[in-house]
Amino acid sequence: MKENHRFFGFKRESLVTVLIIFLIAIAWELSVSLGWLSSLFFPPPSVILSTLIRLILNHKLVDNTGITLWRVYVSLVMTALLGIFFNVFLQRMAVTLAPWKTEQRI
């Protein structure tokens, strides 16, 4: 029978996962503060957390999330339409350039 290892009511695996996440965040924070990572491309976790808290308190998080989701939706629609256009274009080019290679469809 497998023993149920718990520490302060939490499973040991859960605590190890949280510990690893904290260690990665600390290493990330130190790497940025020591100049090993660019804060432009890798903002430290403290800046990310403070920005998240500020956006929540200013009630801007929902607005910004909605704008981001709208941009993702528009990009998805545009790329889908572009993909359909290129598919039709390449199919017609295949028929025009090599009509003997197209199969007869019923």
PDB file of N, CA and C in Angstrom:
ATOM      1  N   MET A   1       0.836  -1.174   0.000  1.00  0.00           N
ATOM      2  CA  MET A   1       0.000   0.000   0.000  1.00  0.00           C
ATOM      3  C   MET A   1       0.885   1.242   0.000  1.00  0.00           C
ATOM      4  N   LYS A   2       0.544   2.187  -0.817  1.00  0.00           N
ATOM      5  CA  LYS A   2       1.327   3.413  -0.936  1.00  0.00           C
ATOM      6  C   LYS A   2       1.010   4.348   0.228  1.00  0.00           C
ATOM      7  N   GLU A   3       2.091   4.838   0.857  1.00  0.00           N
ATOM      8  CA  GLU A   3       1.893   5.768   1.957  1.00  0.00           C
ATOM      9  C   GLU A   3       1.573   7.147   1.414  1.00  0.00           C
ATOM     10  N   ASN A   4       0.772   7.871   2.165  1.00  0.00           N
ATOM     11  CA  ASN A   4       0.364   9.209   1.766  1.00  0.00           C
ATOM     12  C   ASN A   4       1.233  10.213   2.528  1.00  0.00           C
ATOM     13  N   HIS A   5       2.316  10.686   1.892  1.00  0.00           N
ATOM     14  CA  HIS A   5       3.220  11.620   2.536  1.00  0.00           C
ATOM     15  C   HIS A   5       2.637  13.028   2.451  1.00  0.00           C
ATOM     16  N   ARG A   6       2.432  13.629   3.615  1.00  0.00           N
ATOM     17  CA  ARG A   6       1.867  14.975   3.661  1.00  0.00           C
ATOM     18  C   ARG A   6       2.729  15.837   4.565  1.00  0.00           C
ATOM     19  N   PHE A   7       2.759  17.121   4.225  1.00  0.00           N
ATOM     20  CA  PHE A   7       3.513  18.097   4.997  1.00  0.00           C
ATOM     21  C   PHE A   7       2.633  19.311   5.176  1.00  0.00           C
ATOM     22  N   PHE A   8       2.228  19.600   6.395  1.00  0.00           N
ATOM     23  CA  PHE A   8       1.277  20.668   6.703  1.00  0.00           C
ATOM     24  C   PHE A   8      -0.016  20.519   5.913  1.00  0.00           C
ATOM     25  N   GLY A   9      -0.425  19.278   5.672  1.00  0.00           N
ATOM     26  CA  GLY A   9      -1.678  19.023   4.986  1.00  0.00           C
ATOM     27  C   GLY A   9      -1.575  19.001   3.472  1.00  0.00           C
ATOM     28  N   PHE A  10      -0.385  19.263   2.919  1.00  0.00           N
ATOM     29  CA  PHE A  10      -0.199  19.261   1.464  1.00  0.00           C
ATOM     30  C   PHE A  10       0.593  18.036   1.048  1.00  0.00           C
ATOM     31  N   LYS A  11       0.317  17.551  -0.144  1.00  0.00           N
ATOM     32  CA  LYS A  11       1.092  16.438  -0.659  1.00  0.00           C
ATOM     33  C   LYS A  11       2.522  16.886  -0.927  1.00  0.00           C
ATOM     34  N   ARG A  12       3.442  15.989  -0.764  1.00  0.00           N
ATOM     35  CA  ARG A  12       4.851  16.320  -0.954  1.00  0.00           C
ATOM     36  C   ARG A  12       5.126  16.733  -2.400  1.00  0.00           C
ATOM     37  N   GLU A  13       4.476  16.092  -3.361  1.00  0.00           N
ATOM     38  CA  GLU A  13       4.685  16.428  -4.766  1.00  0.00           C
ATOM     39  C   GLU A  13       4.251  17.863  -5.060  1.00  0.00           C
ATOM     40  N   SER A  14       3.168  18.287  -4.436  1.00  0.00           N
ATOM     41  CA  SER A  14       2.685  19.651  -4.637  1.00  0.00           C
ATOM     42  C   SER A  14       3.670  20.658  -4.075  1.00  0.00           C
ATOM     43  N   LEU A  15       4.226  20.357  -2.915  1.00  0.00           N
ATOM     44  CA  LEU A  15       5.201  21.263  -2.321  1.00  0.00           C
ATOM     45  C   LEU A  15       6.474  21.330  -3.143  1.00  0.00           C
ATOM     46  N   VAL A  16       6.896  20.204  -3.708  1.00  0.00           N
ATOM     47  CA  VAL A  16       8.088  20.192  -4.569  1.00  0.00           C
ATOM     48  C   VAL A  16       7.835  21.038  -5.813  1.00  0.00           C
ATOM     49  N   THR A  17       6.660  20.946  -6.382  1.00  0.00           N
ATOM     50  CA  THR A  17       6.314  21.739  -7.562  1.00  0.00           C
ATOM     51  C   THR A  17       6.351  23.229  -7.246  1.00  0.00           C
ATOM     52  N   VAL A  18       5.755  23.618  -6.135  1.00  0.00           N
ATOM     53  CA  VAL A  18       5.750  25.027  -5.737  1.00  0.00           C
ATOM     54  C   VAL A  18       7.174  25.496  -5.457  1.00  0.00           C
ATOM     55  N   LEU A  19       7.972  24.665  -4.809  1.00  0.00           N
ATOM     56  CA  LEU A  19       9.364  25.018  -4.516  1.00  0.00           C
ATOM     57  C   LEU A  19      10.165  25.233  -5.796  1.00  0.00           C
ATOM     58  N   ILE A  20       9.962  24.381  -6.773  1.00  0.00           N
ATOM     59  CA  ILE A  20      10.675  24.528  -8.053  1.00  0.00           C
ATOM     60  C   ILE A  20      10.265  25.826  -8.741  1.00  0.00           C
ATOM     61  N   ILE A  21       8.984  26.142  -8.711  1.00  0.00           N
ATOM     62  CA  ILE A  21       8.520  27.390  -9.329  1.00  0.00           C
ATOM     63  C   ILE A  21       9.147  28.593  -8.631  1.00  0.00           C
ATOM     64  N   PHE A  22       9.190  28.574  -7.289  1.00  0.00           N
ATOM     65  CA  PHE A  22       9.813  29.678  -6.555  1.00  0.00           C
ATOM     66  C   PHE A  22      11.306  29.786  -6.855  1.00  0.00           C
ATOM     67  N   LEU A  23      11.988  28.657  -6.966  1.00  0.00           N
ATOM     68  CA  LEU A  23      13.420  28.690  -7.278  1.00  0.00           C
ATOM     69  C   LEU A  23      13.671  29.265  -8.674  1.00  0.00           C
ATOM     70  N   ILE A  24      12.834  28.903  -9.631  1.00  0.00           N
ATOM     71  CA  ILE A  24      12.970  29.459 -10.980  1.00  0.00           C
ATOM     72  C   ILE A  24      12.708  30.958 -10.959  1.00  0.00           C
ATOM     73  N   ALA A  25      11.693  31.397 -10.205  1.00  0.00           N
ATOM     74  CA  ALA A  25      11.395  32.829 -10.121  1.00  0.00           C
ATOM     75  C   ALA A  25      12.537  33.593  -9.459  1.00  0.00           C
ATOM     76  N   ILE A  26      13.133  33.028  -8.423  1.00  0.00           N
ATOM     77  CA  ILE A  26      14.260  33.690  -7.761  1.00  0.00           C
ATOM     78  C   ILE A  26      15.464  33.765  -8.688  1.00  0.00           C
ATOM     79  N   ALA A  27      15.751  32.672  -9.403  1.00  0.00           N
ATOM     80  CA  ALA A  27      16.866  32.685 -10.358  1.00  0.00           C
ATOM     81  C   ALA A  27      16.618  33.691 -11.468  1.00  0.00           C
ATOM     82  N   TRP A  28      15.389  33.796 -11.926  1.00  0.00           N
ATOM     83  CA  TRP A  28      15.021  34.756 -12.961  1.00  0.00           C
ATOM     84  C   TRP A  28      15.228  36.181 -12.459  1.00  0.00           C
ATOM     85  N   GLU A  29      14.731  36.460 -11.254  1.00  0.00           N
ATOM     86  CA  GLU A  29      14.874  37.791 -10.662  1.00  0.00           C
ATOM     87  C   GLU A  29      16.355  38.165 -10.508  1.00  0.00           C
ATOM     88  N   LEU A  30      17.153  37.224 -10.014  1.00  0.00           N
ATOM     89  CA  LEU A  30      18.585  37.486  -9.848  1.00  0.00           C
ATOM     90  C   LEU A  30      19.291  37.676 -11.188  1.00  0.00           C
ATOM     91  N   SER A  31      18.905  36.892 -12.175  1.00  0.00           N
ATOM     92  CA  SER A  31      19.527  37.007 -13.500  1.00  0.00           C
ATOM     93  C   SER A  31      19.278  38.372 -14.114  1.00  0.00           C
ATOM     94  N   VAL A  32      18.093  38.911 -13.919  1.00  0.00           N
ATOM     95  CA  VAL A  32      17.788  40.238 -14.451  1.00  0.00           C
ATOM     96  C   VAL A  32      18.524  41.307 -13.658  1.00  0.00           C
ATOM     97  N   SER A  33      18.536  41.178 -12.323  1.00  0.00           N
ATOM     98  CA  SER A  33      19.193  42.209 -11.506  1.00  0.00           C
ATOM     99  C   SER A  33      20.711  42.199 -11.688  1.00  0.00           C
ATOM    100  N   LEU A  34      21.294  41.049 -12.012  1.00  0.00           N
ATOM    101  CA  LEU A  34      22.738  40.984 -12.269  1.00  0.00           C
ATOM    102  C   LEU A  34      23.095  41.336 -13.709  1.00  0.00           C
ATOM    103  N   GLY A  35      22.085  41.523 -14.547  1.00  0.00           N
ATOM    104  CA  GLY A  35      22.321  41.917 -15.926  1.00  0.00           C
ATOM    105  C   GLY A  35      22.564  40.770 -16.885  1.00  0.00           C
ATOM    106  N   TRP A  36      22.336  39.553 -16.429  1.00  0.00           N
ATOM    107  CA  TRP A  36      22.511  38.393 -17.304  1.00  0.00           C
ATOM    108  C   TRP A  36      21.375  38.276 -18.309  1.00  0.00           C
ATOM    109  N   LEU A  37      20.205  38.745 -17.935  1.00  0.00           N
ATOM    110  CA  LEU A  37      19.045  38.769 -18.824  1.00  0.00           C
ATOM    111  C   LEU A  37      18.595  40.209 -19.006  1.00  0.00           C
ATOM    112  N   SER A  38      18.100  40.512 -20.195  1.00  0.00           N
ATOM    113  CA  SER A  38      17.600  41.849 -20.461  1.00  0.00           C
ATOM    114  C   SER A  38      16.218  42.030 -19.829  1.00  0.00           C
ATOM    115  N   SER A  39      16.070  43.129 -19.087  1.00  0.00           N
ATOM    116  CA  SER A  39      14.757  43.385 -18.478  1.00  0.00           C
ATOM    117  C   SER A  39      13.725  43.797 -19.522  1.00  0.00           C
ATOM    118  N   LEU A  40      14.182  44.170 -20.717  1.00  0.00           N
ATOM    119  CA  LEU A  40      13.250  44.506 -21.787  1.00  0.00           C
ATOM    120  C   LEU A  40      12.533  43.254 -22.292  1.00  0.00           C
ATOM    121  N   PHE A  41      13.277  42.165 -22.461  1.00  0.00           N
ATOM    122  CA  PHE A  41      12.690  40.933 -22.980  1.00  0.00           C
ATOM    123  C   PHE A  41      12.255  39.973 -21.880  1.00  0.00           C
ATOM    124  N   PHE A  42      12.883  40.063 -20.708  1.00  0.00           N
ATOM    125  CA  PHE A  42      12.546  39.207 -19.579  1.00  0.00           C
ATOM    126  C   PHE A  42      12.328  40.067 -18.338  1.00  0.00           C
ATOM    127  N   PRO A  43      11.183  40.752 -18.238  1.00  0.00           N
ATOM    128  CA  PRO A  43      10.953  41.555 -17.042  1.00  0.00           C
ATOM    129  C   PRO A  43      10.915  40.642 -15.816  1.00  0.00           C
ATOM    130  N   PRO A  44      11.494  41.100 -14.714  1.00  0.00           N
ATOM    131  CA  PRO A  44      11.541  40.239 -13.523  1.00  0.00           C
ATOM    132  C   PRO A  44      10.145  39.939 -12.982  1.00  0.00           C
ATOM    133  N   PRO A  45      10.018  38.815 -12.297  1.00  0.00           N
ATOM    134  CA  PRO A  45       8.710  38.446 -11.743  1.00  0.00           C
ATOM    135  C   PRO A  45       8.117  39.503 -10.830  1.00  0.00           C
ATOM    136  N   SER A  46       8.960  40.270 -10.125  1.00  0.00           N
ATOM    137  CA  SER A  46       8.434  41.315  -9.235  1.00  0.00           C
ATOM    138  C   SER A  46       7.713  42.402 -10.034  1.00  0.00           C
ATOM    139  N   VAL A  47       8.248  42.750 -11.200  1.00  0.00           N
ATOM    140  CA  VAL A  47       7.604  43.758 -12.047  1.00  0.00           C
ATOM    141  C   VAL A  47       6.298  43.203 -12.627  1.00  0.00           C
ATOM    142  N   ILE A  48       6.331  41.949 -13.035  1.00  0.00           N
ATOM    143  CA  ILE A  48       5.121  41.324 -13.590  1.00  0.00           C
ATOM    144  C   ILE A  48       4.024  41.268 -12.530  1.00  0.00           C
ATOM    145  N   LEU A  49       4.389  40.864 -11.318  1.00  0.00           N
ATOM    146  CA  LEU A  49       3.400  40.769 -10.246  1.00  0.00           C
ATOM    147  C   LEU A  49       2.857  42.137  -9.854  1.00  0.00           C
ATOM    148  N   SER A  50       3.728  43.141  -9.765  1.00  0.00           N
ATOM    149  CA  SER A  50       3.245  44.484  -9.395  1.00  0.00           C
ATOM    150  C   SER A  50       2.350  45.070 -10.490  1.00  0.00           C
ATOM    151  N   THR A  51       2.682  44.798 -11.752  1.00  0.00           N
ATOM    152  CA  THR A  51       1.834  45.266 -12.850  1.00  0.00           C
ATOM    153  C   THR A  51       0.476  44.576 -12.816  1.00  0.00           C
ATOM    154  N   LEU A  52       0.473  43.272 -12.536  1.00  0.00           N
ATOM    155  CA  LEU A  52      -0.786  42.536 -12.440  1.00  0.00           C
ATOM    156  C   LEU A  52      -1.657  43.098 -11.316  1.00  0.00           C
ATOM    157  N   ILE A  53      -1.060  43.357 -10.168  1.00  0.00           N
ATOM    158  CA  ILE A  53      -1.823  43.913  -9.043  1.00  0.00           C
ATOM    159  C   ILE A  53      -2.350  45.302  -9.383  1.00  0.00           C
ATOM    160  N   ARG A  54      -1.515  46.132 -10.025  1.00  0.00           N
ATOM    161  CA  ARG A  54      -1.956  47.478 -10.413  1.00  0.00           C
ATOM    162  C   ARG A  54      -3.122  47.417 -11.397  1.00  0.00           C
ATOM    163  N   LEU A  55      -3.044  46.496 -12.380  1.00  0.00           N
ATOM    164  CA  LEU A  55      -4.132  46.372 -13.355  1.00  0.00           C
ATOM    165  C   LEU A  55      -5.421  45.881 -12.696  1.00  0.00           C
ATOM    166  N   ILE A  56      -5.294  45.000 -11.717  1.00  0.00           N
ATOM    167  CA  ILE A  56      -6.488  44.517 -11.012  1.00  0.00           C
ATOM    168  C   ILE A  56      -7.112  45.641 -10.196  1.00  0.00           C
ATOM    169  N   LEU A  57      -6.277  46.394  -9.493  1.00  0.00           N
ATOM    170  CA  LEU A  57      -6.806  47.472  -8.650  1.00  0.00           C
ATOM    171  C   LEU A  57      -7.388  48.614  -9.464  1.00  0.00           C
ATOM    172  N   ASN A  58      -6.841  48.882 -10.657  1.00  0.00           N
ATOM    173  CA  ASN A  58      -7.344  49.958 -11.519  1.00  0.00           C
ATOM    174  C   ASN A  58      -8.510  49.502 -12.403  1.00  0.00           C
ATOM    175  N   HIS A  59      -8.903  48.240 -12.281  1.00  0.00           N
ATOM    176  CA  HIS A  59      -9.986  47.657 -13.089  1.00  0.00           C
ATOM    177  C   HIS A  59      -9.666  47.719 -14.590  1.00  0.00           C
ATOM    178  N   LYS A  60      -8.405  47.667 -14.946  1.00  0.00           N
ATOM    179  CA  LYS A  60      -8.005  47.687 -16.348  1.00  0.00           C
ATOM    180  C   LYS A  60      -7.693  46.301 -16.893  1.00  0.00           C
ATOM    181  N   LEU A  61      -7.613  45.300 -16.014  1.00  0.00           N
ATOM    182  CA  LEU A  61      -7.238  43.962 -16.450  1.00  0.00           C
ATOM    183  C   LEU A  61      -8.253  43.397 -17.437  1.00  0.00           C
ATOM    184  N   VAL A  62      -9.533  43.563 -17.146  1.00  0.00           N
ATOM    185  CA  VAL A  62     -10.576  43.034 -18.025  1.00  0.00           C
ATOM    186  C   VAL A  62     -10.548  43.753 -19.372  1.00  0.00           C
ATOM    187  N   ASP A  63     -10.373  45.089 -19.350  1.00  0.00           N
ATOM    188  CA  ASP A  63     -10.311  45.851 -20.598  1.00  0.00           C
ATOM    189  C   ASP A  63      -9.134  45.394 -21.454  1.00  0.00           C
ATOM    190  N   ASN A  64      -7.955  45.290 -20.826  1.00  0.00           N
ATOM    191  CA  ASN A  64      -6.767  44.895 -21.572  1.00  0.00           C
ATOM    192  C   ASN A  64      -6.858  43.460 -22.083  1.00  0.00           C
ATOM    193  N   THR A  65      -7.457  42.593 -21.279  1.00  0.00           N
ATOM    194  CA  THR A  65      -7.639  41.209 -21.712  1.00  0.00           C
ATOM    195  C   THR A  65      -8.604  41.143 -22.891  1.00  0.00           C
ATOM    196  N   GLY A  66      -9.669  41.925 -22.842  1.00  0.00           N
ATOM    197  CA  GLY A  66     -10.621  41.957 -23.960  1.00  0.00           C
ATOM    198  C   GLY A  66      -9.976  42.464 -25.243  1.00  0.00           C
ATOM    199  N   ILE A  67      -9.169  43.504 -25.130  1.00  0.00           N
ATOM    200  CA  ILE A  67      -8.474  44.040 -26.308  1.00  0.00           C
ATOM    201  C   ILE A  67      -7.523  43.001 -26.884  1.00  0.00           C
ATOM    202  N   THR A  68      -6.778  42.313 -26.011  1.00  0.00           N
ATOM    203  CA  THR A  68      -5.844  41.288 -26.466  1.00  0.00           C
ATOM    204  C   THR A  68      -6.578  40.146 -27.151  1.00  0.00           C
ATOM    205  N   LEU A  69      -7.678  39.687 -26.570  1.00  0.00           N
ATOM    206  CA  LEU A  69      -8.443  38.600 -27.190  1.00  0.00           C
ATOM    207  C   LEU A  69      -9.039  39.025 -28.526  1.00  0.00           C
ATOM    208  N   TRP A  70      -9.461  40.287 -28.647  1.00  0.00           N
ATOM    209  CA  TRP A  70      -9.974  40.788 -29.909  1.00  0.00           C
ATOM    210  C   TRP A  70      -8.874  40.767 -30.976  1.00  0.00           C
ATOM    211  N   ARG A  71      -7.666  41.180 -30.614  1.00  0.00           N
ATOM    212  CA  ARG A  71      -6.545  41.161 -31.561  1.00  0.00           C
ATOM    213  C   ARG A  71      -6.205  39.750 -31.992  1.00  0.00           C
ATOM    214  N   VAL A  72      -6.244  38.801 -31.051  1.00  0.00           N
ATOM    215  CA  VAL A  72      -5.982  37.406 -31.392  1.00  0.00           C
ATOM    216  C   VAL A  72      -7.056  36.885 -32.342  1.00  0.00           C
ATOM    217  N   TYR A  73      -8.314  37.216 -32.089  1.00  0.00           N
ATOM    218  CA  TYR A  73      -9.417  36.786 -32.944  1.00  0.00           C
ATOM    219  C   TYR A  73      -9.269  37.355 -34.353  1.00  0.00           C
ATOM    220  N   VAL A  74      -8.969  38.654 -34.463  1.00  0.00           N
ATOM    221  CA  VAL A  74      -8.807  39.280 -35.780  1.00  0.00           C
ATOM    222  C   VAL A  74      -7.634  38.644 -36.521  1.00  0.00           C
ATOM    223  N   SER A  75      -6.544  38.385 -35.831  1.00  0.00           N
ATOM    224  CA  SER A  75      -5.386  37.751 -36.457  1.00  0.00           C
ATOM    225  C   SER A  75      -5.729  36.353 -36.944  1.00  0.00           C
ATOM    226  N   LEU A  76      -6.483  35.611 -36.149  1.00  0.00           N
ATOM    227  CA  LEU A  76      -6.883  34.262 -36.549  1.00  0.00           C
ATOM    228  C   LEU A  76      -7.742  34.302 -37.810  1.00  0.00           C
ATOM    229  N   VAL A  77      -8.716  35.212 -37.852  1.00  0.00           N
ATOM    230  CA  VAL A  77      -9.587  35.320 -39.027  1.00  0.00           C
ATOM    231  C   VAL A  77      -8.781  35.737 -40.249  1.00  0.00           C
ATOM    232  N   MET A  78      -7.876  36.702 -40.078  1.00  0.00           N
ATOM    233  CA  MET A  78      -7.078  37.166 -41.222  1.00  0.00           C
ATOM    234  C   MET A  78      -6.177  36.063 -41.767  1.00  0.00           C
ATOM    235  N   THR A  79      -5.530  35.308 -40.884  1.00  0.00           N
ATOM    236  CA  THR A  79      -4.657  34.235 -41.367  1.00  0.00           C
ATOM    237  C   THR A  79      -5.469  33.103 -41.982  1.00  0.00           C
ATOM    238  N   ALA A  80      -6.657  32.827 -41.458  1.00  0.00           N
ATOM    239  CA  ALA A  80      -7.501  31.789 -42.063  1.00  0.00           C
ATOM    240  C   ALA A  80      -7.927  32.203 -43.468  1.00  0.00           C
ATOM    241  N   LEU A  81      -8.339  33.455 -43.630  1.00  0.00           N
ATOM    242  CA  LEU A  81      -8.724  33.933 -44.960  1.00  0.00           C
ATOM    243  C   LEU A  81      -7.542  33.930 -45.917  1.00  0.00           C
ATOM    244  N   LEU A  82      -6.382  34.331 -45.423  1.00  0.00           N
ATOM    245  CA  LEU A  82      -5.180  34.312 -46.255  1.00  0.00           C
ATOM    246  C   LEU A  82      -4.821  32.882 -46.659  1.00  0.00           C
ATOM    247  N   GLY A  83      -4.956  31.939 -45.710  1.00  0.00           N
ATOM    248  CA  GLY A  83      -4.679  30.540 -46.019  1.00  0.00           C
ATOM    249  C   GLY A  83      -5.642  29.985 -47.049  1.00  0.00           C
ATOM    250  N   ILE A  84      -6.925  30.329 -46.937  1.00  0.00           N
ATOM    251  CA  ILE A  84      -7.914  29.879 -47.928  1.00  0.00           C
ATOM    252  C   ILE A  84      -7.592  30.471 -49.291  1.00  0.00           C
ATOM    253  N   PHE A  85      -7.239  31.747 -49.335  1.00  0.00           N
ATOM    254  CA  PHE A  85      -6.890  32.391 -50.594  1.00  0.00           C
ATOM    255  C   PHE A  85      -5.702  31.692 -51.254  1.00  0.00           C
ATOM    256  N   PHE A  86      -4.638  31.451 -50.488  1.00  0.00           N
ATOM    257  CA  PHE A  86      -3.466  30.797 -51.065  1.00  0.00           C
ATOM    258  C   PHE A  86      -3.759  29.360 -51.476  1.00  0.00           C
ATOM    259  N   ASN A  87      -4.613  28.675 -50.749  1.00  0.00           N
ATOM    260  CA  ASN A  87      -4.993  27.320 -51.124  1.00  0.00           C
ATOM    261  C   ASN A  87      -5.707  27.319 -52.471  1.00  0.00           C
ATOM    262  N   VAL A  88      -6.674  28.199 -52.644  1.00  0.00           N
ATOM    263  CA  VAL A  88      -7.406  28.280 -53.909  1.00  0.00           C
ATOM    264  C   VAL A  88      -6.452  28.689 -55.028  1.00  0.00           C
ATOM    265  N   PHE A  89      -5.588  29.669 -54.751  1.00  0.00           N
ATOM    266  CA  PHE A  89      -4.636  30.142 -55.758  1.00  0.00           C
ATOM    267  C   PHE A  89      -3.698  29.024 -56.203  1.00  0.00           C
ATOM    268  N   LEU A  90      -3.148  28.269 -55.252  1.00  0.00           N
ATOM    269  CA  LEU A  90      -2.224  27.198 -55.611  1.00  0.00           C
ATOM    270  C   LEU A  90      -2.931  26.050 -56.316  1.00  0.00           C
ATOM    271  N   GLN A  91      -4.178  25.772 -55.945  1.00  0.00           N
ATOM    272  CA  GLN A  91      -4.928  24.737 -56.645  1.00  0.00           C
ATOM    273  C   GLN A  91      -5.165  25.134 -58.096  1.00  0.00           C
ATOM    274  N   ARG A  92      -5.503  26.392 -58.334  1.00  0.00           N
ATOM    275  CA  ARG A  92      -5.726  26.859 -59.704  1.00  0.00           C
ATOM    276  C   ARG A  92      -4.424  26.884 -60.489  1.00  0.00           C
ATOM    277  N   MET A  93      -3.322  27.247 -59.821  1.00  0.00           N
ATOM    278  CA  MET A  93      -2.027  27.243 -60.503  1.00  0.00           C
ATOM    279  C   MET A  93      -1.635  25.830 -60.898  1.00  0.00           C
ATOM    280  N   ALA A  94      -1.939  24.848 -60.054  1.00  0.00           N
ATOM    281  CA  ALA A  94      -1.619  23.465 -60.368  1.00  0.00           C
ATOM    282  C   ALA A  94      -2.403  22.997 -61.585  1.00  0.00           C
ATOM    283  N   VAL A  95      -3.667  23.381 -61.681  1.00  0.00           N
ATOM    284  CA  VAL A  95      -4.487  23.002 -62.836  1.00  0.00           C
ATOM    285  C   VAL A  95      -3.994  23.720 -64.081  1.00  0.00           C
ATOM    286  N   THR A  96      -3.587  24.980 -63.951  1.00  0.00           N
ATOM    287  CA  THR A  96      -3.141  25.755 -65.104  1.00  0.00           C
ATOM    288  C   THR A  96      -1.788  25.287 -65.605  1.00  0.00           C
ATOM    289  N   LEU A  97      -0.850  25.031 -64.713  1.00  0.00           N
ATOM    290  CA  LEU A  97       0.514  24.700 -65.113  1.00  0.00           C
ATOM    291  C   LEU A  97       0.691  23.231 -65.465  1.00  0.00           C
ATOM    292  N   ALA A  98      -0.058  22.354 -64.854  1.00  0.00           N
ATOM    293  CA  ALA A  98       0.090  20.931 -65.115  1.00  0.00           C
ATOM    294  C   ALA A  98      -1.273  20.263 -65.155  1.00  0.00           C
ATOM    295  N   PRO A  99      -2.054  20.506 -66.223  1.00  0.00           N
ATOM    296  CA  PRO A  99      -3.401  19.935 -66.257  1.00  0.00           C
ATOM    297  C   PRO A  99      -3.404  18.413 -66.337  1.00  0.00           C
ATOM    298  N   TRP A 100      -2.334  17.799 -66.836  1.00  0.00           N
ATOM    299  CA  TRP A 100      -2.280  16.340 -66.940  1.00  0.00           C
ATOM    300  C   TRP A 100      -2.109  15.673 -65.585  1.00  0.00           C
ATOM    301  N   LYS A 101      -1.668  16.411 -64.558  1.00  0.00           N
ATOM    302  CA  LYS A 101      -1.455  15.812 -63.243  1.00  0.00           C
ATOM    303  C   LYS A 101      -2.693  15.903 -62.356  1.00  0.00           C
ATOM    304  N   THR A 102      -3.706  16.603 -62.791  1.00  0.00           N
ATOM    305  CA  THR A 102      -4.909  16.703 -61.948  1.00  0.00           C
ATOM    306  C   THR A 102      -5.785  15.498 -62.223  1.00  0.00           C
ATOM    307  N   GLU A 103      -6.400  14.991 -61.171  1.00  0.00           N
ATOM    308  CA  GLU A 103      -7.287  13.840 -61.335  1.00  0.00           C
ATOM    309  C   GLU A 103      -8.697  14.333 -61.652  1.00  0.00           C
ATOM    310  N   GLN A 104      -9.407  13.510 -62.359  1.00  0.00           N
ATOM    311  CA  GLN A 104     -10.789  13.842 -62.684  1.00  0.00           C
ATOM    312  C   GLN A 104     -11.665  13.598 -61.479  1.00  0.00           C
ATOM    313  N   ARG A 105     -12.431  14.587 -61.092  1.00  0.00           N
ATOM    314  CA  ARG A 105     -13.326  14.444 -59.961  1.00  0.00           C
ATOM    315  C   ARG A 105     -14.768  14.391 -60.445  1.00  0.00           C
ATOM    316  N   ILE A 106     -15.523  13.526 -59.837  1.00  0.00           N
ATOM    317  CA  ILE A 106     -16.935  13.360 -60.224  1.00  0.00           C
ATOM    318  C   ILE A 106     -17.809  14.101 -59.276  1.00  0.00           C
TER     319      ILE A 106
END
